[in-house]
N, C-alpha and C. Protein backbone atom coordinates (compact mmCIF):
# COMPACT_ATOMS: atom_id res chain seq x y z
N MET A 1 0.85 -1.19 0.00
CA MET A 1 0.00 0.00 0.00
C MET A 1 0.89 1.24 0.00
N PHE A 2 0.48 2.27 -0.67
CA PHE A 2 1.25 3.49 -0.76
C PHE A 2 0.86 4.45 0.37
N PRO A 3 1.77 5.36 0.73
CA PRO A 3 1.45 6.33 1.79
C PRO A 3 0.27 7.21 1.38
N THR A 4 -0.52 7.54 2.34
CA THR A 4 -1.71 8.34 2.08
C THR A 4 -1.36 9.82 2.06
N THR A 5 -1.93 10.52 1.10
CA THR A 5 -1.84 11.97 1.04
C THR A 5 -3.25 12.53 1.14
N GLN A 6 -3.34 13.79 1.49
CA GLN A 6 -4.66 14.43 1.55
C GLN A 6 -5.33 14.41 0.18
N ILE A 7 -4.58 14.83 -0.84
CA ILE A 7 -5.19 14.90 -2.17
C ILE A 7 -5.46 13.49 -2.70
N GLY A 8 -4.60 12.55 -2.38
CA GLY A 8 -4.85 11.17 -2.78
C GLY A 8 -6.13 10.64 -2.16
N SER A 9 -6.36 10.97 -0.91
CA SER A 9 -7.59 10.54 -0.23
C SER A 9 -8.82 11.17 -0.86
N LEU A 10 -8.72 12.45 -1.22
CA LEU A 10 -9.86 13.13 -1.84
C LEU A 10 -10.15 12.56 -3.23
N LEU A 11 -9.11 12.33 -4.01
CA LEU A 11 -9.32 11.75 -5.34
C LEU A 11 -9.87 10.33 -5.23
N HIS A 12 -9.38 9.58 -4.25
CA HIS A 12 -9.89 8.22 -4.02
C HIS A 12 -11.37 8.26 -3.67
N ARG A 13 -11.75 9.16 -2.80
CA ARG A 13 -13.17 9.29 -2.42
C ARG A 13 -14.02 9.62 -3.64
N ASP A 14 -13.52 10.50 -4.49
CA ASP A 14 -14.23 10.85 -5.72
C ASP A 14 -14.35 9.63 -6.63
N HIS A 15 -13.28 8.86 -6.74
CA HIS A 15 -13.33 7.64 -7.55
C HIS A 15 -14.39 6.67 -7.02
N MET A 16 -14.44 6.51 -5.71
CA MET A 16 -15.41 5.58 -5.13
C MET A 16 -16.85 6.05 -5.40
N ALA A 17 -17.09 7.34 -5.35
CA ALA A 17 -18.42 7.87 -5.65
C ALA A 17 -18.78 7.62 -7.12
N THR A 18 -17.80 7.77 -8.00
CA THR A 18 -18.04 7.50 -9.42
C THR A 18 -18.31 6.01 -9.65
N ILE A 19 -17.57 5.16 -8.98
CA ILE A 19 -17.80 3.71 -9.10
C ILE A 19 -19.21 3.36 -8.63
N GLU A 20 -19.65 3.95 -7.54
CA GLU A 20 -21.02 3.70 -7.06
C GLU A 20 -22.05 4.10 -8.11
N ALA A 21 -21.82 5.25 -8.75
CA ALA A 21 -22.75 5.71 -9.79
C ALA A 21 -22.73 4.76 -10.99
N LEU A 22 -21.54 4.32 -11.39
CA LEU A 22 -21.43 3.40 -12.52
C LEU A 22 -22.07 2.05 -12.21
N GLU A 23 -21.92 1.59 -10.98
CA GLU A 23 -22.58 0.33 -10.59
C GLU A 23 -24.10 0.48 -10.61
N ALA A 24 -24.58 1.63 -10.16
CA ALA A 24 -26.03 1.87 -10.20
C ALA A 24 -26.52 1.93 -11.65
N LEU A 25 -25.73 2.56 -12.52
CA LEU A 25 -26.07 2.60 -13.94
C LEU A 25 -26.10 1.18 -14.51
N GLU A 26 -25.13 0.38 -14.15
CA GLU A 26 -25.09 -1.00 -14.64
C GLU A 26 -26.33 -1.78 -14.18
N ARG A 27 -26.74 -1.58 -12.95
CA ARG A 27 -27.96 -2.25 -12.47
C ARG A 27 -29.18 -1.81 -13.27
N LEU A 28 -29.29 -0.50 -13.52
CA LEU A 28 -30.42 0.02 -14.30
C LEU A 28 -30.43 -0.60 -15.70
N LEU A 29 -29.29 -0.61 -16.34
CA LEU A 29 -29.20 -1.12 -17.71
C LEU A 29 -29.48 -2.61 -17.78
N SER A 30 -28.99 -3.36 -16.81
CA SER A 30 -29.16 -4.81 -16.87
C SER A 30 -30.58 -5.25 -16.54
N LYS A 31 -31.29 -4.49 -15.74
CA LYS A 31 -32.66 -4.91 -15.41
C LYS A 31 -33.71 -4.31 -16.34
N ASN A 32 -33.29 -3.48 -17.27
CA ASN A 32 -34.22 -2.82 -18.19
C ASN A 32 -33.75 -2.98 -19.63
N ARG A 33 -33.89 -4.18 -20.16
CA ARG A 33 -33.55 -4.37 -21.57
C ARG A 33 -34.51 -3.58 -22.45
N LYS A 34 -35.75 -3.52 -22.04
CA LYS A 34 -36.75 -2.72 -22.75
C LYS A 34 -36.83 -1.35 -22.07
N THR A 35 -37.32 -0.40 -22.81
CA THR A 35 -37.40 0.98 -22.32
C THR A 35 -38.23 1.06 -21.04
N PRO A 36 -37.64 1.57 -19.97
CA PRO A 36 -38.41 1.69 -18.72
C PRO A 36 -39.28 2.94 -18.75
N PRO A 37 -40.40 2.92 -18.04
CA PRO A 37 -41.20 4.14 -17.93
C PRO A 37 -40.45 5.15 -17.06
N LEU A 38 -40.60 6.40 -17.38
CA LEU A 38 -39.91 7.45 -16.63
C LEU A 38 -40.80 7.90 -15.47
N ASP A 39 -40.71 7.17 -14.36
CA ASP A 39 -41.46 7.57 -13.17
C ASP A 39 -40.63 8.60 -12.40
N ALA A 40 -41.17 9.09 -11.31
CA ALA A 40 -40.50 10.15 -10.54
C ALA A 40 -39.13 9.70 -10.03
N ALA A 41 -39.04 8.45 -9.58
CA ALA A 41 -37.77 7.95 -9.05
C ALA A 41 -36.71 7.88 -10.14
N LEU A 42 -37.07 7.37 -11.32
CA LEU A 42 -36.10 7.29 -12.41
C LEU A 42 -35.73 8.68 -12.91
N LYS A 43 -36.69 9.56 -12.96
CA LYS A 43 -36.41 10.94 -13.38
C LYS A 43 -35.39 11.58 -12.44
N GLU A 44 -35.60 11.43 -11.15
CA GLU A 44 -34.67 11.99 -10.17
C GLU A 44 -33.29 11.34 -10.30
N TRP A 45 -33.28 10.02 -10.47
CA TRP A 45 -32.02 9.30 -10.57
C TRP A 45 -31.24 9.71 -11.83
N LEU A 46 -31.93 9.86 -12.95
CA LEU A 46 -31.25 10.28 -14.18
C LEU A 46 -30.64 11.68 -14.03
N GLY A 47 -31.34 12.56 -13.34
CA GLY A 47 -30.79 13.89 -13.08
C GLY A 47 -29.54 13.81 -12.22
N TRP A 48 -29.60 12.95 -11.20
CA TRP A 48 -28.43 12.73 -10.34
C TRP A 48 -27.27 12.17 -11.15
N LEU A 49 -27.55 11.16 -11.98
CA LEU A 49 -26.51 10.55 -12.79
C LEU A 49 -25.85 11.57 -13.71
N ALA A 50 -26.65 12.39 -14.36
CA ALA A 50 -26.09 13.41 -15.25
C ALA A 50 -25.14 14.33 -14.48
N GLY A 51 -25.52 14.71 -13.28
CA GLY A 51 -24.66 15.57 -12.46
C GLY A 51 -23.36 14.89 -12.07
N VAL A 52 -23.44 13.62 -11.68
CA VAL A 52 -22.24 12.87 -11.31
C VAL A 52 -21.30 12.73 -12.50
N LEU A 53 -21.85 12.39 -13.66
CA LEU A 53 -21.02 12.23 -14.85
C LEU A 53 -20.33 13.53 -15.23
N ARG A 54 -21.06 14.61 -15.20
CA ARG A 54 -20.46 15.91 -15.54
C ARG A 54 -19.36 16.28 -14.53
N ALA A 55 -19.64 16.06 -13.25
CA ALA A 55 -18.64 16.39 -12.23
C ALA A 55 -17.37 15.57 -12.42
N GLU A 56 -17.53 14.30 -12.75
CA GLU A 56 -16.37 13.43 -12.94
C GLU A 56 -15.53 13.91 -14.11
N VAL A 57 -16.14 14.14 -15.25
CA VAL A 57 -15.34 14.44 -16.43
C VAL A 57 -14.95 15.91 -16.55
N GLU A 58 -15.70 16.79 -15.98
CA GLU A 58 -15.36 18.20 -16.09
C GLU A 58 -14.51 18.65 -14.90
N THR A 59 -15.01 18.45 -13.70
CA THR A 59 -14.30 18.93 -12.52
C THR A 59 -13.11 18.04 -12.17
N HIS A 60 -13.35 16.76 -12.02
CA HIS A 60 -12.30 15.83 -11.59
C HIS A 60 -11.18 15.75 -12.65
N PHE A 61 -11.55 15.46 -13.89
CA PHE A 61 -10.53 15.38 -14.95
C PHE A 61 -9.80 16.71 -15.09
N GLY A 62 -10.55 17.81 -15.05
CA GLY A 62 -9.94 19.13 -15.18
C GLY A 62 -8.92 19.40 -14.09
N PHE A 63 -9.25 19.00 -12.87
CA PHE A 63 -8.32 19.20 -11.76
C PHE A 63 -7.05 18.37 -11.97
N GLU A 64 -7.22 17.13 -12.33
CA GLU A 64 -6.05 16.29 -12.56
C GLU A 64 -5.16 16.87 -13.66
N GLU A 65 -5.78 17.26 -14.76
CA GLU A 65 -5.00 17.77 -15.89
C GLU A 65 -4.35 19.12 -15.58
N GLY A 66 -5.06 19.96 -14.83
CA GLY A 66 -4.54 21.29 -14.56
C GLY A 66 -3.61 21.40 -13.37
N ARG A 67 -3.80 20.52 -12.37
CA ARG A 67 -3.03 20.67 -11.14
C ARG A 67 -2.13 19.47 -10.81
N VAL A 68 -2.56 18.28 -11.13
CA VAL A 68 -1.79 17.09 -10.75
C VAL A 68 -0.82 16.66 -11.84
N PHE A 69 -1.29 16.55 -13.06
CA PHE A 69 -0.43 16.09 -14.14
C PHE A 69 0.82 16.95 -14.32
N PRO A 70 0.73 18.30 -14.20
CA PRO A 70 1.96 19.09 -14.33
C PRO A 70 3.05 18.72 -13.31
N LEU A 71 2.65 18.27 -12.13
CA LEU A 71 3.63 17.83 -11.13
C LEU A 71 4.36 16.58 -11.60
N PHE A 72 3.64 15.69 -12.25
CA PHE A 72 4.25 14.48 -12.80
C PHE A 72 5.19 14.84 -13.94
N LEU A 73 4.74 15.73 -14.82
CA LEU A 73 5.56 16.14 -15.96
C LEU A 73 6.85 16.81 -15.50
N ALA A 74 6.77 17.61 -14.44
CA ALA A 74 7.95 18.30 -13.91
C ALA A 74 8.98 17.30 -13.39
N GLN A 75 8.54 16.12 -13.03
CA GLN A 75 9.44 15.06 -12.54
C GLN A 75 9.81 14.07 -13.65
N GLY A 76 9.41 14.39 -14.89
CA GLY A 76 9.74 13.53 -16.02
C GLY A 76 8.85 12.30 -16.15
N GLN A 77 7.75 12.28 -15.45
CA GLN A 77 6.82 11.14 -15.47
C GLN A 77 5.78 11.34 -16.57
N THR A 78 6.22 11.23 -17.82
CA THR A 78 5.33 11.53 -18.94
C THR A 78 4.41 10.37 -19.32
N GLY A 79 4.85 9.15 -19.10
CA GLY A 79 4.07 7.99 -19.54
C GLY A 79 2.68 7.94 -18.95
N ILE A 80 2.58 8.02 -17.64
CA ILE A 80 1.27 7.94 -16.99
C ILE A 80 0.39 9.12 -17.39
N VAL A 81 1.01 10.29 -17.55
CA VAL A 81 0.24 11.48 -17.94
C VAL A 81 -0.32 11.31 -19.34
N GLU A 82 0.48 10.80 -20.26
CA GLU A 82 0.00 10.59 -21.63
C GLU A 82 -1.15 9.59 -21.67
N ILE A 83 -1.00 8.49 -20.96
CA ILE A 83 -2.05 7.45 -20.95
C ILE A 83 -3.35 8.00 -20.37
N LEU A 84 -3.26 8.63 -19.20
CA LEU A 84 -4.47 9.13 -18.54
C LEU A 84 -5.11 10.27 -19.32
N THR A 85 -4.29 11.13 -19.93
CA THR A 85 -4.84 12.22 -20.73
C THR A 85 -5.59 11.68 -21.95
N GLN A 86 -5.02 10.68 -22.61
CA GLN A 86 -5.71 10.07 -23.76
C GLN A 86 -7.03 9.45 -23.32
N GLU A 87 -7.02 8.80 -22.16
CA GLU A 87 -8.27 8.21 -21.67
C GLU A 87 -9.29 9.30 -21.33
N HIS A 88 -8.83 10.39 -20.73
CA HIS A 88 -9.74 11.51 -20.45
C HIS A 88 -10.38 12.00 -21.74
N GLU A 89 -9.57 12.13 -22.79
CA GLU A 89 -10.08 12.63 -24.07
C GLU A 89 -11.11 11.68 -24.68
N THR A 90 -11.01 10.41 -24.40
CA THR A 90 -11.99 9.43 -24.88
C THR A 90 -13.24 9.42 -24.01
N ILE A 91 -13.05 9.42 -22.70
CA ILE A 91 -14.17 9.29 -21.76
C ILE A 91 -15.00 10.55 -21.68
N LEU A 92 -14.38 11.72 -21.75
CA LEU A 92 -15.09 12.99 -21.58
C LEU A 92 -16.29 13.12 -22.52
N PRO A 93 -16.14 12.96 -23.84
CA PRO A 93 -17.32 13.09 -24.69
C PRO A 93 -18.35 11.98 -24.47
N MET A 94 -17.88 10.80 -24.10
CA MET A 94 -18.82 9.70 -23.82
C MET A 94 -19.70 10.04 -22.62
N ALA A 95 -19.09 10.52 -21.56
CA ALA A 95 -19.84 10.85 -20.34
C ALA A 95 -20.76 12.04 -20.57
N ARG A 96 -20.25 13.05 -21.27
CA ARG A 96 -21.11 14.21 -21.56
C ARG A 96 -22.31 13.79 -22.40
N ASN A 97 -22.09 12.94 -23.38
CA ASN A 97 -23.18 12.48 -24.24
C ASN A 97 -24.21 11.70 -23.45
N LEU A 98 -23.77 10.83 -22.55
CA LEU A 98 -24.71 10.06 -21.75
C LEU A 98 -25.49 10.99 -20.82
N ALA A 99 -24.82 11.99 -20.24
CA ALA A 99 -25.51 12.96 -19.39
C ALA A 99 -26.56 13.73 -20.20
N GLU A 100 -26.20 14.12 -21.41
CA GLU A 100 -27.14 14.83 -22.28
C GLU A 100 -28.34 13.95 -22.64
N MET A 101 -28.09 12.68 -22.88
CA MET A 101 -29.19 11.76 -23.19
C MET A 101 -30.13 11.61 -21.99
N ALA A 102 -29.57 11.52 -20.80
CA ALA A 102 -30.39 11.42 -19.59
C ALA A 102 -31.23 12.69 -19.42
N GLU A 103 -30.61 13.84 -19.62
CA GLU A 103 -31.33 15.11 -19.49
C GLU A 103 -32.41 15.25 -20.56
N ALA A 104 -32.13 14.79 -21.77
CA ALA A 104 -33.12 14.85 -22.85
C ALA A 104 -34.31 13.95 -22.53
N ALA A 105 -34.05 12.78 -21.96
CA ALA A 105 -35.15 11.88 -21.58
C ALA A 105 -36.01 12.52 -20.50
N ILE A 106 -35.39 13.19 -19.56
CA ILE A 106 -36.14 13.88 -18.51
C ILE A 106 -37.03 14.95 -19.14
N ALA A 107 -36.44 15.75 -20.04
CA ALA A 107 -37.18 16.83 -20.68
C ALA A 107 -38.32 16.31 -21.54
N ALA A 108 -38.12 15.15 -22.18
CA ALA A 108 -39.13 14.58 -23.08
C ALA A 108 -40.17 13.74 -22.34
N GLY A 109 -39.93 13.50 -21.08
CA GLY A 109 -40.86 12.67 -20.32
C GLY A 109 -40.61 11.18 -20.49
N GLY A 110 -39.46 10.82 -21.04
CA GLY A 110 -39.11 9.41 -21.19
C GLY A 110 -38.19 9.18 -22.36
N PHE A 111 -37.74 7.96 -22.50
CA PHE A 111 -36.89 7.56 -23.61
C PHE A 111 -37.74 6.99 -24.72
N ALA A 112 -37.46 7.36 -25.96
CA ALA A 112 -37.99 6.61 -27.11
C ALA A 112 -37.25 5.27 -27.11
N ASP A 113 -37.85 4.25 -27.67
CA ASP A 113 -37.22 2.93 -27.66
C ASP A 113 -35.82 2.96 -28.27
N SER A 114 -35.66 3.65 -29.38
CA SER A 114 -34.35 3.71 -30.03
C SER A 114 -33.34 4.48 -29.17
N ASP A 115 -33.81 5.51 -28.48
CA ASP A 115 -32.93 6.27 -27.59
C ASP A 115 -32.49 5.43 -26.39
N TRP A 116 -33.42 4.63 -25.87
CA TRP A 116 -33.06 3.75 -24.75
C TRP A 116 -32.02 2.72 -25.18
N ALA A 117 -32.18 2.16 -26.38
CA ALA A 117 -31.20 1.19 -26.88
C ALA A 117 -29.82 1.84 -26.99
N THR A 118 -29.79 3.07 -27.48
CA THR A 118 -28.52 3.80 -27.60
C THR A 118 -27.95 4.12 -26.22
N PHE A 119 -28.81 4.55 -25.30
CA PHE A 119 -28.38 4.86 -23.93
C PHE A 119 -27.77 3.62 -23.28
N ARG A 120 -28.41 2.47 -23.46
CA ARG A 120 -27.90 1.22 -22.88
C ARG A 120 -26.52 0.88 -23.47
N MET A 121 -26.39 1.00 -24.78
CA MET A 121 -25.13 0.66 -25.43
C MET A 121 -24.02 1.62 -24.97
N LYS A 122 -24.30 2.91 -25.03
CA LYS A 122 -23.29 3.90 -24.66
C LYS A 122 -22.99 3.85 -23.16
N GLY A 123 -24.00 3.58 -22.37
CA GLY A 123 -23.79 3.44 -20.93
C GLY A 123 -22.86 2.27 -20.61
N GLY A 124 -23.07 1.15 -21.29
CA GLY A 124 -22.20 0.00 -21.09
C GLY A 124 -20.76 0.28 -21.47
N GLU A 125 -20.57 0.99 -22.57
CA GLU A 125 -19.22 1.36 -23.01
C GLU A 125 -18.56 2.28 -21.99
N LEU A 126 -19.32 3.25 -21.49
CA LEU A 126 -18.77 4.18 -20.51
C LEU A 126 -18.38 3.45 -19.22
N ILE A 127 -19.24 2.57 -18.76
CA ILE A 127 -18.94 1.81 -17.54
C ILE A 127 -17.60 1.09 -17.69
N GLU A 128 -17.45 0.38 -18.79
CA GLU A 128 -16.23 -0.39 -19.01
C GLU A 128 -14.99 0.50 -19.03
N ARG A 129 -15.03 1.56 -19.80
CA ARG A 129 -13.87 2.44 -19.93
C ARG A 129 -13.55 3.18 -18.63
N GLU A 130 -14.59 3.69 -17.99
CA GLU A 130 -14.37 4.49 -16.78
C GLU A 130 -13.86 3.63 -15.63
N LEU A 131 -14.39 2.43 -15.46
CA LEU A 131 -13.90 1.55 -14.39
C LEU A 131 -12.43 1.20 -14.59
N PHE A 132 -12.05 0.89 -15.81
CA PHE A 132 -10.66 0.57 -16.11
C PHE A 132 -9.78 1.79 -15.87
N HIS A 133 -10.26 2.95 -16.24
CA HIS A 133 -9.52 4.19 -16.03
C HIS A 133 -9.31 4.45 -14.54
N ILE A 134 -10.35 4.30 -13.76
CA ILE A 134 -10.24 4.52 -12.32
C ILE A 134 -9.24 3.54 -11.71
N GLN A 135 -9.24 2.30 -12.16
CA GLN A 135 -8.26 1.33 -11.65
C GLN A 135 -6.84 1.81 -11.91
N LYS A 136 -6.58 2.33 -13.09
CA LYS A 136 -5.25 2.84 -13.41
C LYS A 136 -4.88 4.01 -12.50
N GLU A 137 -5.84 4.91 -12.29
CA GLU A 137 -5.55 6.05 -11.43
C GLU A 137 -5.32 5.61 -9.99
N GLU A 138 -6.10 4.67 -9.52
CA GLU A 138 -5.93 4.18 -8.15
C GLU A 138 -4.56 3.52 -7.96
N MET A 139 -4.12 2.74 -8.93
CA MET A 139 -2.86 2.02 -8.80
C MET A 139 -1.64 2.87 -9.17
N GLY A 140 -1.78 3.73 -10.15
CA GLY A 140 -0.63 4.48 -10.64
C GLY A 140 -0.57 5.92 -10.17
N LEU A 141 -1.65 6.64 -10.41
CA LEU A 141 -1.65 8.06 -10.11
C LEU A 141 -1.55 8.34 -8.62
N LEU A 142 -2.37 7.68 -7.82
CA LEU A 142 -2.36 7.96 -6.39
C LEU A 142 -1.05 7.55 -5.74
N ALA A 143 -0.48 6.43 -6.17
CA ALA A 143 0.83 6.03 -5.65
C ALA A 143 1.90 7.03 -6.08
N GLY A 144 1.80 7.50 -7.31
CA GLY A 144 2.76 8.49 -7.79
C GLY A 144 2.67 9.80 -7.05
N ILE A 145 1.46 10.22 -6.74
CA ILE A 145 1.27 11.45 -5.97
C ILE A 145 1.99 11.32 -4.63
N ALA A 146 1.80 10.20 -3.97
CA ALA A 146 2.42 9.99 -2.66
C ALA A 146 3.94 10.05 -2.75
N ALA A 147 4.50 9.59 -3.86
CA ALA A 147 5.95 9.58 -4.03
C ALA A 147 6.51 10.92 -4.48
N LEU A 148 5.70 11.73 -5.17
CA LEU A 148 6.23 12.93 -5.82
C LEU A 148 6.02 14.24 -5.09
N ILE A 149 5.03 14.33 -4.21
CA ILE A 149 4.73 15.64 -3.64
C ILE A 149 5.09 15.72 -2.16
N ASP A 150 5.41 16.94 -1.76
CA ASP A 150 5.73 17.19 -0.36
C ASP A 150 4.45 17.57 0.39
N PRO A 151 4.50 17.60 1.72
CA PRO A 151 3.30 17.90 2.50
C PRO A 151 2.66 19.26 2.18
N ALA A 152 3.45 20.27 1.89
CA ALA A 152 2.88 21.59 1.58
C ALA A 152 2.12 21.56 0.25
N THR A 153 2.69 20.91 -0.74
CA THR A 153 2.00 20.78 -2.03
C THR A 153 0.74 19.95 -1.87
N ASP A 154 0.84 18.90 -1.09
CA ASP A 154 -0.32 18.05 -0.81
C ASP A 154 -1.44 18.88 -0.20
N ALA A 155 -1.12 19.67 0.80
CA ALA A 155 -2.14 20.49 1.47
C ALA A 155 -2.75 21.50 0.50
N ALA A 156 -1.91 22.12 -0.33
CA ALA A 156 -2.41 23.10 -1.30
C ALA A 156 -3.34 22.44 -2.33
N LEU A 157 -2.96 21.27 -2.80
CA LEU A 157 -3.80 20.55 -3.76
C LEU A 157 -5.13 20.14 -3.12
N ALA A 158 -5.06 19.65 -1.90
CA ALA A 158 -6.29 19.24 -1.21
C ALA A 158 -7.22 20.43 -1.00
N GLU A 159 -6.66 21.56 -0.65
CA GLU A 159 -7.48 22.76 -0.45
C GLU A 159 -8.11 23.20 -1.78
N ALA A 160 -7.33 23.17 -2.85
CA ALA A 160 -7.85 23.57 -4.17
C ALA A 160 -8.96 22.61 -4.63
N PHE A 161 -8.78 21.33 -4.40
CA PHE A 161 -9.79 20.35 -4.81
C PHE A 161 -11.05 20.52 -3.99
N ALA A 162 -10.89 20.70 -2.69
CA ALA A 162 -12.05 20.89 -1.82
C ALA A 162 -12.82 22.15 -2.20
N ALA A 163 -12.12 23.17 -2.66
CA ALA A 163 -12.77 24.42 -3.07
C ALA A 163 -13.66 24.22 -4.29
N LEU A 164 -13.43 23.16 -5.04
CA LEU A 164 -14.26 22.86 -6.21
C LEU A 164 -15.60 22.23 -5.82
N GLY A 165 -15.75 21.95 -4.53
CA GLY A 165 -17.00 21.36 -4.06
C GLY A 165 -17.04 19.86 -4.23
N ARG A 166 -15.91 19.25 -4.37
CA ARG A 166 -15.82 17.79 -4.55
C ARG A 166 -15.59 17.11 -3.24
């Protein structure tokens, strides 16, 4: 196990929240092969999911790219940054699209059958990619943070991340 840092703990907590959302999405998709009716509970849940997805790809990814990755690059650790950045570039439009589809279904009062089929397919793809991505960050990025940053940088990063409302 790697030493714990404040920012590592915050990023880990964010990862766990995203995994919970992805697992809930997987349960929804697996139990609803046919288009589910948009009742109040599903409407609320889809709104929540859209918010979680946006927060993950916009706030979380943005923080890593803007504040964490430069620290790795300054230490010559380009490999992990390149891999994770490429994955961010792939996952970001997928997550935004799924959030938009959820919001469109809410606005329309439900999914059309063809839209639900697309939502299921794209949701499954996102689950697979995002879970694999989080595993890489948990094993590589968080361990690297613990090895590369000093306590003052750790505290500053944790404060900046907390200020984002994460």
